[in-house]
PDB file of N, CA and C in Angstrom:
ATOM      1  N   MET A   1       3.215  -8.177 -22.377  1.00  0.00           N
ATOM      2  CA  MET A   1       2.260  -7.784 -21.368  1.00  0.00           C
ATOM      3  C   MET A   1       2.300  -8.742 -20.171  1.00  0.00           C
ATOM      4  N   ALA A   2       2.351 -10.039 -20.381  1.00  0.00           N
ATOM      5  CA  ALA A   2       2.341 -10.982 -19.259  1.00  0.00           C
ATOM      6  C   ALA A   2       3.521 -10.708 -18.336  1.00  0.00           C
ATOM      7  N   GLY A   3       3.236 -10.613 -17.046  1.00  0.00           N
ATOM      8  CA  GLY A   3       4.260 -10.363 -16.048  1.00  0.00           C
ATOM      9  C   GLY A   3       4.489  -8.901 -15.717  1.00  0.00           C
ATOM     10  N   GLU A   4       3.938  -8.003 -16.507  1.00  0.00           N
ATOM     11  CA  GLU A   4       4.064  -6.580 -16.200  1.00  0.00           C
ATOM     12  C   GLU A   4       3.122  -6.208 -15.062  1.00  0.00           C
ATOM     13  N   VAL A   5       3.509  -5.226 -14.269  1.00  0.00           N
ATOM     14  CA  VAL A   5       2.608  -4.701 -13.249  1.00  0.00           C
ATOM     15  C   VAL A   5       1.432  -4.057 -13.981  1.00  0.00           C
ATOM     16  N   SER A   6       0.214  -4.486 -13.627  1.00  0.00           N
ATOM     17  CA  SER A   6      -0.952  -3.964 -14.344  1.00  0.00           C
ATOM     18  C   SER A   6      -1.967  -3.278 -13.450  1.00  0.00           C
ATOM     19  N   PHE A   7      -1.873  -3.469 -12.118  1.00  0.00           N
ATOM     20  CA  PHE A   7      -2.876  -2.913 -11.223  1.00  0.00           C
ATOM     21  C   PHE A   7      -2.328  -2.952  -9.808  1.00  0.00           C
ATOM     22  N   ILE A   8      -2.668  -1.950  -9.007  1.00  0.00           N
ATOM     23  CA  ILE A   8      -2.295  -1.933  -7.594  1.00  0.00           C
ATOM     24  C   ILE A   8      -3.569  -1.711  -6.784  1.00  0.00           C
ATOM     25  N   GLU A   9      -3.760  -2.532  -5.764  1.00  0.00           N
ATOM     26  CA  GLU A   9      -4.938  -2.420  -4.900  1.00  0.00           C
ATOM     27  C   GLU A   9      -4.489  -2.045  -3.492  1.00  0.00           C
ATOM     28  N   PHE A  10      -5.091  -0.990  -2.948  1.00  0.00           N
ATOM     29  CA  PHE A  10      -4.783  -0.521  -1.595  1.00  0.00           C
ATOM     30  C   PHE A  10      -5.913  -0.912  -0.651  1.00  0.00           C
ATOM     31  N   GLY A  11      -5.563  -1.537   0.448  1.00  0.00           N
ATOM     32  CA  GLY A  11      -6.510  -1.807   1.515  1.00  0.00           C
ATOM     33  C   GLY A  11      -6.321  -0.786   2.615  1.00  0.00           C
ATOM     34  N   VAL A  12      -7.394  -0.114   3.005  1.00  0.00           N
ATOM     35  CA  VAL A  12      -7.336   0.904   4.052  1.00  0.00           C
ATOM     36  C   VAL A  12      -8.519   0.715   4.999  1.00  0.00           C
ATOM     37  N   GLY A  13      -8.426   1.285   6.172  1.00  0.00           N
ATOM     38  CA  GLY A  13      -9.543   1.227   7.106  1.00  0.00           C
ATOM     39  C   GLY A  13     -10.713   2.078   6.647  1.00  0.00           C
ATOM     40  N   ASP A  14     -10.423   3.287   6.180  1.00  0.00           N
ATOM     41  CA  ASP A  14     -11.438   4.256   5.782  1.00  0.00           C
ATOM     42  C   ASP A  14     -11.074   4.799   4.402  1.00  0.00           C
ATOM     43  N   THR A  15     -11.913   4.550   3.418  1.00  0.00           N
ATOM     44  CA  THR A  15     -11.583   4.944   2.041  1.00  0.00           C
ATOM     45  C   THR A  15     -11.522   6.455   1.847  1.00  0.00           C
ATOM     46  N   GLU A  16     -12.376   7.205   2.522  1.00  0.00           N
ATOM     47  CA  GLU A  16     -12.326   8.666   2.363  1.00  0.00           C
ATOM     48  C   GLU A  16     -11.021   9.238   2.902  1.00  0.00           C
ATOM     49  N   LYS A  17     -10.556   8.722   4.034  1.00  0.00           N
ATOM     50  CA  LYS A  17      -9.268   9.168   4.581  1.00  0.00           C
ATOM     51  C   LYS A  17      -8.120   8.723   3.672  1.00  0.00           C
ATOM     52  N   GLY A  18      -8.229   7.506   3.141  1.00  0.00           N
ATOM     53  CA  GLY A  18      -7.213   7.013   2.212  1.00  0.00           C
ATOM     54  C   GLY A  18      -7.164   7.856   0.951  1.00  0.00           C
ATOM     55  N   ARG A  19      -8.326   8.198   0.449  1.00  0.00           N
ATOM     56  CA  ARG A  19      -8.400   9.040  -0.750  1.00  0.00           C
ATOM     57  C   ARG A  19      -7.717  10.377  -0.487  1.00  0.00           C
ATOM     58  N   ALA A  20      -8.060  11.024   0.620  1.00  0.00           N
ATOM     59  CA  ALA A  20      -7.488  12.330   0.940  1.00  0.00           C
ATOM     60  C   ALA A  20      -5.963  12.245   1.046  1.00  0.00           C
ATOM     61  N   PHE A  21      -5.464  11.174   1.645  1.00  0.00           N
ATOM     62  CA  PHE A  21      -4.018  11.024   1.816  1.00  0.00           C
ATOM     63  C   PHE A  21      -3.312  10.898   0.469  1.00  0.00           C
ATOM     64  N   TYR A  22      -3.729   9.925  -0.357  1.00  0.00           N
ATOM     65  CA  TYR A  22      -3.024   9.668  -1.622  1.00  0.00           C
ATOM     66  C   TYR A  22      -3.283  10.751  -2.667  1.00  0.00           C
ATOM     67  N   GLU A  23      -4.455  11.349  -2.618  1.00  0.00           N
ATOM     68  CA  GLU A  23      -4.744  12.475  -3.503  1.00  0.00           C
ATOM     69  C   GLU A  23      -3.830  13.654  -3.144  1.00  0.00           C
ATOM     70  N   GLY A  24      -3.685  13.896  -1.833  1.00  0.00           N
ATOM     71  CA  GLY A  24      -2.833  14.984  -1.370  1.00  0.00           C
ATOM     72  C   GLY A  24      -1.352  14.719  -1.605  1.00  0.00           C
ATOM     73  N   LEU A  25      -0.935  13.465  -1.461  1.00  0.00           N
ATOM     74  CA  LEU A  25       0.472  13.110  -1.616  1.00  0.00           C
ATOM     75  C   LEU A  25       0.911  13.063  -3.077  1.00  0.00           C
ATOM     76  N   PHE A  26       0.117  12.390  -3.926  1.00  0.00           N
ATOM     77  CA  PHE A  26       0.523  12.156  -5.311  1.00  0.00           C
ATOM     78  C   PHE A  26      -0.321  12.875  -6.359  1.00  0.00           C
ATOM     79  N   GLY A  27      -1.461  13.434  -5.967  1.00  0.00           N
ATOM     80  CA  GLY A  27      -2.341  14.080  -6.934  1.00  0.00           C
ATOM     81  C   GLY A  27      -3.127  13.103  -7.788  1.00  0.00           C
ATOM     82  N   TRP A  28      -3.274  11.858  -7.326  1.00  0.00           N
ATOM     83  CA  TRP A  28      -4.015  10.852  -8.077  1.00  0.00           C
ATOM     84  C   TRP A  28      -5.482  11.228  -8.180  1.00  0.00           C
ATOM     85  N   THR A  29      -6.154  10.745  -9.209  1.00  0.00           N
ATOM     86  CA  THR A  29      -7.575  10.969  -9.423  1.00  0.00           C
ATOM     87  C   THR A  29      -8.352   9.747  -8.949  1.00  0.00           C
ATOM     88  N   PHE A  30      -9.412   9.973  -8.192  1.00  0.00           N
ATOM     89  CA  PHE A  30     -10.229   8.892  -7.638  1.00  0.00           C
ATOM     90  C   PHE A  30     -11.640   8.961  -8.203  1.00  0.00           C
ATOM     91  N   GLU A  31     -12.201   7.787  -8.491  1.00  0.00           N
ATOM     92  CA  GLU A  31     -13.573   7.680  -8.976  1.00  0.00           C
ATOM     93  C   GLU A  31     -14.264   6.597  -8.147  1.00  0.00           C
ATOM     94  N   GLN A  32     -15.472   6.895  -7.689  1.00  0.00           N
ATOM     95  CA  GLN A  32     -16.219   5.914  -6.884  1.00  0.00           C
ATOM     96  C   GLN A  32     -16.301   4.594  -7.629  1.00  0.00           C
ATOM     97  N   GLY A  33     -15.991   3.514  -6.941  1.00  0.00           N
ATOM     98  CA  GLY A  33     -16.029   2.183  -7.541  1.00  0.00           C
ATOM     99  C   GLY A  33     -17.449   1.718  -7.787  1.00  0.00           C
ATOM    100  N   PRO A  34     -17.606   0.660  -8.584  1.00  0.00           N
ATOM    101  CA  PRO A  34     -18.935   0.179  -8.950  1.00  0.00           C
ATOM    102  C   PRO A  34     -19.771  -0.284  -7.768  1.00  0.00           C
ATOM    103  N   SER A  35     -19.120  -0.775  -6.703  1.00  0.00           N
ATOM    104  CA  SER A  35     -19.878  -1.239  -5.539  1.00  0.00           C
ATOM    105  C   SER A  35     -20.234  -0.088  -4.608  1.00  0.00           C
ATOM    106  N   GLY A  36     -19.626   1.094  -4.831  1.00  0.00           N
ATOM    107  CA  GLY A  36     -19.859   2.234  -3.950  1.00  0.00           C
ATOM    108  C   GLY A  36     -19.079   2.131  -2.661  1.00  0.00           C
ATOM    109  N   ASN A  37     -18.241   1.110  -2.536  1.00  0.00           N
ATOM    110  CA  ASN A  37     -17.521   0.850  -1.298  1.00  0.00           C
ATOM    111  C   ASN A  37     -16.011   1.011  -1.463  1.00  0.00           C
ATOM    112  N   GLY A  38     -15.599   1.725  -2.474  1.00  0.00           N
ATOM    113  CA  GLY A  38     -14.179   1.923  -2.719  1.00  0.00           C
ATOM    114  C   GLY A  38     -13.986   2.845  -3.903  1.00  0.00           C
ATOM    115  N   PHE A  39     -12.762   2.906  -4.381  1.00  0.00           N
ATOM    116  CA  PHE A  39     -12.442   3.807  -5.474  1.00  0.00           C
ATOM    117  C   PHE A  39     -11.606   3.126  -6.537  1.00  0.00           C
ATOM    118  N   ALA A  40     -11.804   3.550  -7.771  1.00  0.00           N
ATOM    119  CA  ALA A  40     -10.867   3.279  -8.848  1.00  0.00           C
ATOM    120  C   ALA A  40      -9.896   4.452  -8.833  1.00  0.00           C
ATOM    121  N   ILE A  41      -8.614   4.171  -9.014  1.00  0.00           N
ATOM    122  CA  ILE A  41      -7.589   5.209  -8.925  1.00  0.00           C
ATOM    123  C   ILE A  41      -6.875   5.318 -10.260  1.00  0.00           C
ATOM    124  N   GLU A  42      -6.740   6.559 -10.730  1.00  0.00           N
ATOM    125  CA  GLU A  42      -5.958   6.810 -11.932  1.00  0.00           C
ATOM    126  C   GLU A  42      -4.635   7.419 -11.498  1.00  0.00           C
ATOM    127  N   THR A  43      -3.551   6.733 -11.823  1.00  0.00           N
ATOM    128  CA  THR A  43      -2.215   7.220 -11.529  1.00  0.00           C
ATOM    129  C   THR A  43      -1.510   7.494 -12.862  1.00  0.00           C
ATOM    130  N   PRO A  44      -0.335   8.104 -12.854  1.00  0.00           N
ATOM    131  CA  PRO A  44       0.349   8.359 -14.122  1.00  0.00           C
ATOM    132  C   PRO A  44       0.766   7.096 -14.872  1.00  0.00           C
ATOM    133  N   ASN A  45       0.939   5.976 -14.166  1.00  0.00           N
ATOM    134  CA  ASN A  45       1.479   4.781 -14.805  1.00  0.00           C
ATOM    135  C   ASN A  45       0.583   3.556 -14.731  1.00  0.00           C
ATOM    136  N   VAL A  46       0.183   3.168 -13.552  1.00  0.00           N
ATOM    137  CA  VAL A  46      -0.543   1.919 -13.337  1.00  0.00           C
ATOM    138  C   VAL A  46      -1.866   2.229 -12.648  1.00  0.00           C
ATOM    139  N   PRO A  47      -2.990   1.769 -13.201  1.00  0.00           N
ATOM    140  CA  PRO A  47      -4.265   2.017 -12.524  1.00  0.00           C
ATOM    141  C   PRO A  47      -4.332   1.276 -11.187  1.00  0.00           C
ATOM    142  N   GLY A  48      -5.225   1.731 -10.343  1.00  0.00           N
ATOM    143  CA  GLY A  48      -5.340   1.109  -9.038  1.00  0.00           C
ATOM    144  C   GLY A  48      -6.748   1.116  -8.519  1.00  0.00           C
ATOM    145  N   GLY A  49      -6.889   0.559  -7.346  1.00  0.00           N
ATOM    146  CA  GLY A  49      -8.150   0.526  -6.647  1.00  0.00           C
ATOM    147  C   GLY A  49      -7.908   0.657  -5.159  1.00  0.00           C
ATOM    148  N   MET A  50      -8.949   1.022  -4.438  1.00  0.00           N
ATOM    149  CA  MET A  50      -8.869   1.139  -2.991  1.00  0.00           C
ATOM    150  C   MET A  50     -10.142   0.589  -2.384  1.00  0.00           C
ATOM    151  N   HIS A  51      -9.983  -0.307  -1.408  1.00  0.00           N
ATOM    152  CA  HIS A  51     -11.137  -0.846  -0.694  1.00  0.00           C
ATOM    153  C   HIS A  51     -10.978  -0.538   0.791  1.00  0.00           C
ATOM    154  N   GLY A  52     -12.109  -0.432   1.469  1.00  0.00           N
ATOM    155  CA  GLY A  52     -12.106  -0.118   2.884  1.00  0.00           C
ATOM    156  C   GLY A  52     -12.274  -1.345   3.754  1.00  0.00           C
ATOM    157  N   GLY A  53     -12.304  -1.099   5.065  1.00  0.00           N
ATOM    158  CA  GLY A  53     -12.503  -2.177   6.023  1.00  0.00           C
ATOM    159  C   GLY A  53     -11.292  -3.079   6.163  1.00  0.00           C
ATOM    160  N   ASP A  54     -10.114  -2.576   5.807  1.00  0.00           N
ATOM    161  CA  ASP A  54      -8.891  -3.375   5.814  1.00  0.00           C
ATOM    162  C   ASP A  54      -7.814  -2.589   6.551  1.00  0.00           C
ATOM    163  N   GLU A  55      -8.086  -2.280   7.810  1.00  0.00           N
ATOM    164  CA  GLU A  55      -7.180  -1.484   8.647  1.00  0.00           C
ATOM    165  C   GLU A  55      -5.786  -2.087   8.626  1.00  0.00           C
ATOM    166  N   GLY A  56      -4.798  -1.284   8.278  1.00  0.00           N
ATOM    167  CA  GLY A  56      -3.421  -1.759   8.231  1.00  0.00           C
ATOM    168  C   GLY A  56      -3.103  -2.595   7.005  1.00  0.00           C
ATOM    169  N   GLY A  57      -4.038  -2.644   6.053  1.00  0.00           N
ATOM    170  CA  GLY A  57      -3.808  -3.416   4.830  1.00  0.00           C
ATOM    171  C   GLY A  57      -2.661  -2.823   4.028  1.00  0.00           C
ATOM    172  N   ALA A  58      -2.018  -3.662   3.286  1.00  0.00           N
ATOM    173  CA  ALA A  58      -0.898  -3.213   2.461  1.00  0.00           C
ATOM    174  C   ALA A  58      -1.339  -3.145   1.006  1.00  0.00           C
ATOM    175  N   ALA A  59      -0.566  -2.442   0.209  1.00  0.00           N
ATOM    176  CA  ALA A  59      -0.819  -2.421  -1.225  1.00  0.00           C
ATOM    177  C   ALA A  59      -0.480  -3.794  -1.792  1.00  0.00           C
ATOM    178  N   CYS A  60      -1.287  -4.255  -2.725  1.00  0.00           N
ATOM    179  CA  CYS A  60      -1.036  -5.534  -3.387  1.00  0.00           C
ATOM    180  C   CYS A  60      -0.820  -5.261  -4.869  1.00  0.00           C
ATOM    181  N   VAL A  61       0.280  -5.785  -5.384  1.00  0.00           N
ATOM    182  CA  VAL A  61       0.611  -5.611  -6.791  1.00  0.00           C
ATOM    183  C   VAL A  61       0.018  -6.775  -7.584  1.00  0.00           C
ATOM    184  N   PHE A  62      -0.680  -6.431  -8.661  1.00  0.00           N
ATOM    185  CA  PHE A  62      -1.250  -7.423  -9.563  1.00  0.00           C
ATOM    186  C   PHE A  62      -0.451  -7.407 -10.858  1.00  0.00           C
ATOM    187  N   TYR A  63      -0.146  -8.604 -11.350  1.00  0.00           N
ATOM    188  CA  TYR A  63       0.633  -8.754 -12.578  1.00  0.00           C
ATOM    189  C   TYR A  63      -0.271  -9.238 -13.703  1.00  0.00           C
ATOM    190  N   ALA A  64      -0.053  -8.689 -14.899  1.00  0.00           N
ATOM    191  CA  ALA A  64      -0.869  -9.029 -16.056  1.00  0.00           C
ATOM    192  C   ALA A  64      -0.626 -10.472 -16.492  1.00  0.00           C
ATOM    193  N   VAL A  65      -1.709 -11.142 -16.862  1.00  0.00           N
ATOM    194  CA  VAL A  65      -1.643 -12.473 -17.460  1.00  0.00           C
ATOM    195  C   VAL A  65      -2.595 -12.497 -18.648  1.00  0.00           C
ATOM    196  N   ASP A  66      -2.294 -13.343 -19.618  1.00  0.00           N
ATOM    197  CA  ASP A  66      -3.150 -13.470 -20.793  1.00  0.00           C
ATOM    198  C   ASP A  66      -4.366 -14.348 -20.530  1.00  0.00           C
ATOM    199  N   ASP A  67      -4.202 -15.343 -19.663  1.00  0.00           N
ATOM    200  CA  ASP A  67      -5.268 -16.305 -19.364  1.00  0.00           C
ATOM    201  C   ASP A  67      -5.239 -16.588 -17.870  1.00  0.00           C
ATOM    202  N   ILE A  68      -6.161 -16.009 -17.132  1.00  0.00           N
ATOM    203  CA  ILE A  68      -6.114 -16.120 -15.671  1.00  0.00           C
ATOM    204  C   ILE A  68      -6.332 -17.551 -15.193  1.00  0.00           C
ATOM    205  N   ASP A  69      -7.184 -18.303 -15.880  1.00  0.00           N
ATOM    206  CA  ASP A  69      -7.424 -19.684 -15.453  1.00  0.00           C
ATOM    207  C   ASP A  69      -6.159 -20.536 -15.607  1.00  0.00           C
ATOM    208  N   ARG A  70      -5.460 -20.375 -16.713  1.00  0.00           N
ATOM    209  CA  ARG A  70      -4.212 -21.105 -16.935  1.00  0.00           C
ATOM    210  C   ARG A  70      -3.153 -20.655 -15.914  1.00  0.00           C
ATOM    211  N   SER A  71      -3.126 -19.371 -15.595  1.00  0.00           N
ATOM    212  CA  SER A  71      -2.158 -18.848 -14.625  1.00  0.00           C
ATOM    213  C   SER A  71      -2.453 -19.350 -13.221  1.00  0.00           C
ATOM    214  N   ILE A  72      -3.724 -19.469 -12.866  1.00  0.00           N
ATOM    215  CA  ILE A  72      -4.104 -20.023 -11.561  1.00  0.00           C
ATOM    216  C   ILE A  72      -3.586 -21.453 -11.444  1.00  0.00           C
ATOM    217  N   ALA A  73      -3.780 -22.234 -12.497  1.00  0.00           N
ATOM    218  CA  ALA A  73      -3.297 -23.618 -12.495  1.00  0.00           C
ATOM    219  C   ALA A  73      -1.771 -23.650 -12.336  1.00  0.00           C
ATOM    220  N   ARG A  74      -1.083 -22.741 -12.988  1.00  0.00           N
ATOM    221  CA  ARG A  74       0.376 -22.699 -12.917  1.00  0.00           C
ATOM    222  C   ARG A  74       0.855 -22.305 -11.526  1.00  0.00           C
ATOM    223  N   VAL A  75       0.169 -21.355 -10.886  1.00  0.00           N
ATOM    224  CA  VAL A  75       0.507 -20.980  -9.502  1.00  0.00           C
ATOM    225  C   VAL A  75       0.460 -22.227  -8.617  1.00  0.00           C
ATOM    226  N   ARG A  76      -0.605 -22.996  -8.751  1.00  0.00           N
ATOM    227  CA  ARG A  76      -0.761 -24.212  -7.930  1.00  0.00           C
ATOM    228  C   ARG A  76       0.317 -25.245  -8.263  1.00  0.00           C
ATOM    229  N   GLU A  77       0.631 -25.423  -9.549  1.00  0.00           N
ATOM    230  CA  GLU A  77       1.684 -26.372  -9.960  1.00  0.00           C
ATOM    231  C   GLU A  77       3.029 -26.017  -9.339  1.00  0.00           C
ATOM    232  N   LEU A  78       3.285 -24.722  -9.183  1.00  0.00           N
ATOM    233  CA  LEU A  78       4.561 -24.255  -8.647  1.00  0.00           C
ATOM    234  C   LEU A  78       4.583 -24.178  -7.122  1.00  0.00           C
ATOM    235  N   GLY A  79       3.490 -24.612  -6.470  1.00  0.00           N
ATOM    236  CA  GLY A  79       3.446 -24.650  -5.010  1.00  0.00           C
ATOM    237  C   GLY A  79       2.809 -23.445  -4.357  1.00  0.00           C
ATOM    238  N   GLY A  80       2.277 -22.531  -5.155  1.00  0.00           N
ATOM    239  CA  GLY A  80       1.582 -21.376  -4.601  1.00  0.00           C
ATOM    240  C   GLY A  80       0.125 -21.710  -4.314  1.00  0.00           C
ATOM    241  N   GLN A  81      -0.597 -20.739  -3.783  1.00  0.00           N
ATOM    242  CA  GLN A  81      -2.004 -20.929  -3.452  1.00  0.00           C
ATOM    243  C   GLN A  81      -2.827 -19.751  -3.951  1.00  0.00           C
ATOM    244  N   ILE A  82      -4.097 -20.026  -4.166  1.00  0.00           N
ATOM    245  CA  ILE A  82      -5.053 -18.988  -4.524  1.00  0.00           C
ATOM    246  C   ILE A  82      -5.822 -18.642  -3.258  1.00  0.00           C
ATOM    247  N   VAL A  83      -5.883 -17.369  -2.933  1.00  0.00           N
ATOM    248  CA  VAL A  83      -6.624 -16.909  -1.763  1.00  0.00           C
ATOM    249  C   VAL A  83      -8.097 -16.892  -2.153  1.00  0.00           C
ATOM    250  N   GLU A  84      -8.894 -17.641  -1.450  1.00  0.00           N
ATOM    251  CA  GLU A  84     -10.320 -17.746  -1.786  1.00  0.00           C
ATOM    252  C   GLU A  84     -11.064 -16.520  -1.283  1.00  0.00           C
ATOM    253  N   LEU A  85     -10.948 -15.478  -2.062  1.00  0.00           N
ATOM    254  CA  LEU A  85     -11.564 -14.197  -1.760  1.00  0.00           C
ATOM    255  C   LEU A  85     -12.212 -13.716  -3.045  1.00  0.00           C
ATOM    256  N   GLU A  86     -13.477 -13.415  -3.009  1.00  0.00           N
ATOM    257  CA  GLU A  86     -14.186 -12.987  -4.218  1.00  0.00           C
ATOM    258  C   GLU A  86     -13.900 -11.528  -4.477  1.00  0.00           C
ATOM    259  N   ILE A  87     -13.113 -11.266  -5.518  1.00  0.00           N
ATOM    260  CA  ILE A  87     -12.789  -9.889  -5.853  1.00  0.00           C
ATOM    261  C   ILE A  87     -13.067  -9.588  -7.318  1.00  0.00           C
ATOM    262  N   GLU A  88     -13.725 -10.512  -8.005  1.00  0.00           N
ATOM    263  CA  GLU A  88     -13.969 -10.299  -9.425  1.00  0.00           C
ATOM    264  C   GLU A  88     -15.128  -9.351  -9.675  1.00  0.00           C
ATOM    265  N   GLY A  89     -16.066  -9.247  -8.756  1.00  0.00           N
ATOM    266  CA  GLY A  89     -17.179  -8.319  -8.935  1.00  0.00           C
ATOM    267  C   GLY A  89     -18.221  -8.832  -9.909  1.00  0.00           C
ATOM    268  N   ASP A  90     -19.129  -7.944 -10.259  1.00  0.00           N
ATOM    269  CA  ASP A  90     -20.214  -8.316 -11.170  1.00  0.00           C
ATOM    270  C   ASP A  90     -19.744  -8.216 -12.615  1.00  0.00           C
ATOM    271  N   GLU A  91     -20.639  -8.550 -13.537  1.00  0.00           N
ATOM    272  CA  GLU A  91     -20.293  -8.548 -14.956  1.00  0.00           C
ATOM    273  C   GLU A  91     -19.799  -7.188 -15.431  1.00  0.00           C
ATOM    274  N   GLY A  92     -20.422  -6.112 -14.947  1.00  0.00           N
ATOM    275  CA  GLY A  92     -19.988  -4.772 -15.322  1.00  0.00           C
ATOM    276  C   GLY A  92     -18.577  -4.468 -14.847  1.00  0.00           C
ATOM    277  N   SER A  93     -18.250  -4.923 -13.643  1.00  0.00           N
ATOM    278  CA  SER A  93     -16.898  -4.713 -13.119  1.00  0.00           C
ATOM    279  C   SER A  93     -15.877  -5.489 -13.934  1.00  0.00           C
ATOM    280  N   VAL A  94     -16.214  -6.738 -14.291  1.00  0.00           N
ATOM    281  CA  VAL A  94     -15.296  -7.556 -15.074  1.00  0.00           C
ATOM    282  C   VAL A  94     -15.081  -6.925 -16.441  1.00  0.00           C
ATOM    283  N   THR A  95     -16.152  -6.417 -17.055  1.00  0.00           N
ATOM    284  CA  THR A  95     -16.047  -5.766 -18.361  1.00  0.00           C
ATOM    285  C   THR A  95     -15.150  -4.537 -18.275  1.00  0.00           C
ATOM    286  N   ARG A  96     -15.272  -3.791 -17.196  1.00  0.00           N
ATOM    287  CA  ARG A  96     -14.497  -2.553 -17.053  1.00  0.00           C
ATOM    288  C   ARG A  96     -13.067  -2.780 -16.574  1.00  0.00           C
ATOM    289  N   PHE A  97     -12.893  -3.672 -15.597  1.00  0.00           N
ATOM    290  CA  PHE A  97     -11.592  -3.821 -14.951  1.00  0.00           C
ATOM    291  C   PHE A  97     -10.878  -5.134 -15.274  1.00  0.00           C
ATOM    292  N   GLY A  98     -11.589  -6.143 -15.728  1.00  0.00           N
ATOM    293  CA  GLY A  98     -10.992  -7.441 -15.986  1.00  0.00           C
ATOM    294  C   GLY A  98     -11.199  -8.384 -14.810  1.00  0.00           C
ATOM    295  N   ARG A  99     -10.456  -9.467 -14.808  1.00  0.00           N
ATOM    296  CA  ARG A  99     -10.560 -10.485 -13.749  1.00  0.00           C
ATOM    297  C   ARG A  99      -9.313 -10.455 -12.877  1.00  0.00           C
ATOM    298  N   PHE A 100      -9.514 -10.669 -11.582  1.00  0.00           N
ATOM    299  CA  PHE A 100      -8.440 -10.626 -10.599  1.00  0.00           C
ATOM    300  C   PHE A 100      -8.473 -11.876  -9.726  1.00  0.00           C
ATOM    301  N   LYS A 101      -7.312 -12.323  -9.300  1.00  0.00           N
ATOM    302  CA  LYS A 101      -7.204 -13.363  -8.282  1.00  0.00           C
ATOM    303  C   LYS A 101      -6.037 -13.022  -7.383  1.00  0.00           C
ATOM    304  N   LEU A 102      -6.264 -13.107  -6.091  1.00  0.00           N
ATOM    305  CA  LEU A 102      -5.227 -12.891  -5.089  1.00  0.00           C
ATOM    306  C   LEU A 102      -4.546 -14.231  -4.840  1.00  0.00           C
ATOM    307  N   CYS A 103      -3.218 -14.214  -4.774  1.00  0.00           N
ATOM    308  CA  CYS A 103      -2.449 -15.451  -4.649  1.00  0.00           C
ATOM    309  C   CYS A 103      -1.352 -15.296  -3.599  1.00  0.00           C
ATOM    310  N   THR A 104      -0.758 -16.427  -3.225  1.00  0.00           N
ATOM    311  CA  THR A 104       0.492 -16.425  -2.484  1.00  0.00           C
ATOM    312  C   THR A 104       1.460 -17.325  -3.227  1.00  0.00           C
ATOM    313  N   ASP A 105       2.732 -16.971  -3.167  1.00  0.00           N
ATOM    314  CA  ASP A 105       3.721 -17.835  -3.799  1.00  0.00           C
ATOM    315  C   ASP A 105       4.033 -19.006  -2.872  1.00  0.00           C
ATOM    316  N   HIS A 106       4.989 -19.831  -3.227  1.00  0.00           N
ATOM    317  CA  HIS A 106       5.317 -21.034  -2.458  1.00  0.00           C
ATOM    318  C   HIS A 106       5.915 -20.729  -1.087  1.00  0.00           C
ATOM    319  N   GLN A 107       6.228 -19.452  -0.806  1.00  0.00           N
ATOM    320  CA  GLN A 107       6.753 -19.065   0.502  1.00  0.00           C
ATOM    321  C   GLN A 107       5.770 -18.205   1.286  1.00  0.00           C
ATOM    322  N   GLY A 108       4.571 -17.989   0.731  1.00  0.00           N
ATOM    323  CA  GLY A 108       3.539 -17.247   1.436  1.00  0.00           C
ATOM    324  C   GLY A 108       3.465 -15.761   1.128  1.00  0.00           C
ATOM    325  N   SER A 109       4.281 -15.262   0.193  1.00  0.00           N
ATOM    326  CA  SER A 109       4.228 -13.846  -0.179  1.00  0.00           C
ATOM    327  C   SER A 109       3.015 -13.588  -1.071  1.00  0.00           C
ATOM    328  N   THR A 110       2.302 -12.517  -0.790  1.00  0.00           N
ATOM    329  CA  THR A 110       1.068 -12.189  -1.498  1.00  0.00           C
ATOM    330  C   THR A 110       1.348 -11.411  -2.777  1.00  0.00           C
ATOM    331  N   PHE A 111       0.610 -11.758  -3.828  1.00  0.00           N
ATOM    332  CA  PHE A 111       0.634 -11.033  -5.094  1.00  0.00           C
ATOM    333  C   PHE A 111      -0.694 -11.298  -5.781  1.00  0.00           C
ATOM    334  N   GLY A 112      -0.937 -10.617  -6.867  1.00  0.00           N
ATOM    335  CA  GLY A 112      -2.189 -10.821  -7.586  1.00  0.00           C
ATOM    336  C   GLY A 112      -1.974 -11.096  -9.056  1.00  0.00           C
ATOM    337  N   LEU A 113      -2.965 -11.758  -9.647  1.00  0.00           N
ATOM    338  CA  LEU A 113      -3.027 -11.970 -11.087  1.00  0.00           C
ATOM    339  C   LEU A 113      -4.138 -11.090 -11.640  1.00  0.00           C
ATOM    340  N   HIS A 114      -3.915 -10.491 -12.802  1.00  0.00           N
ATOM    341  CA  HIS A 114      -4.917  -9.628 -13.416  1.00  0.00           C
ATOM    342  C   HIS A 114      -4.988  -9.916 -14.909  1.00  0.00           C
ATOM    343  N   GLN A 115      -6.156 -10.348 -15.358  1.00  0.00           N
ATOM    344  CA  GLN A 115      -6.404 -10.486 -16.784  1.00  0.00           C
ATOM    345  C   GLN A 115      -7.211  -9.271 -17.208  1.00  0.00           C
ATOM    346  N   PRO A 116      -6.570  -8.310 -17.894  1.00  0.00           N
ATOM    347  CA  PRO A 116      -7.279  -7.109 -18.302  1.00  0.00           C
ATOM    348  C   PRO A 116      -8.490  -7.430 -19.180  1.00  0.00           C
ATOM    349  N   PRO A 117      -9.461  -6.526 -19.231  1.00  0.00           N
ATOM    350  CA  PRO A 117     -10.654  -6.778 -20.078  1.00  0.00           C
ATOM    351  C   PRO A 117     -10.258  -6.841 -21.545  1.00  0.00           C
ATOM    352  N   ASP A 118     -11.088  -7.507 -22.318  1.00  0.00           N
ATOM    353  CA  ASP A 118     -10.850  -7.611 -23.771  1.00  0.00           C
ATOM    354  C   ASP A 118     -10.916  -6.261 -24.433  1.00  0.00           C
TER     355      ASP A 118
END
């Protein structure tokens, strides 16, 4: 499981327009997110999410880890950085979706860590 693609997050300017586009293109299923400000996305392979207010945002791939705290430490040891952005949500979100951290590697490329829920 560690290192496998486990989640994809899409940043868009307008979530309703984003939903219509990806639903129309791929037939994905969308469910209102817990904050009411985005969507959980069901795809055939990898679950996803969509948040708004991120005009021109790109998709971010999150990779599965067994222990997010240990993985955060390892990112830093290898010269990467943790983006200080709160994306873990409330307790209900963590229970449903797990824990997430946005990172950059030692060259500045963005990726995410995802510890799935128990």
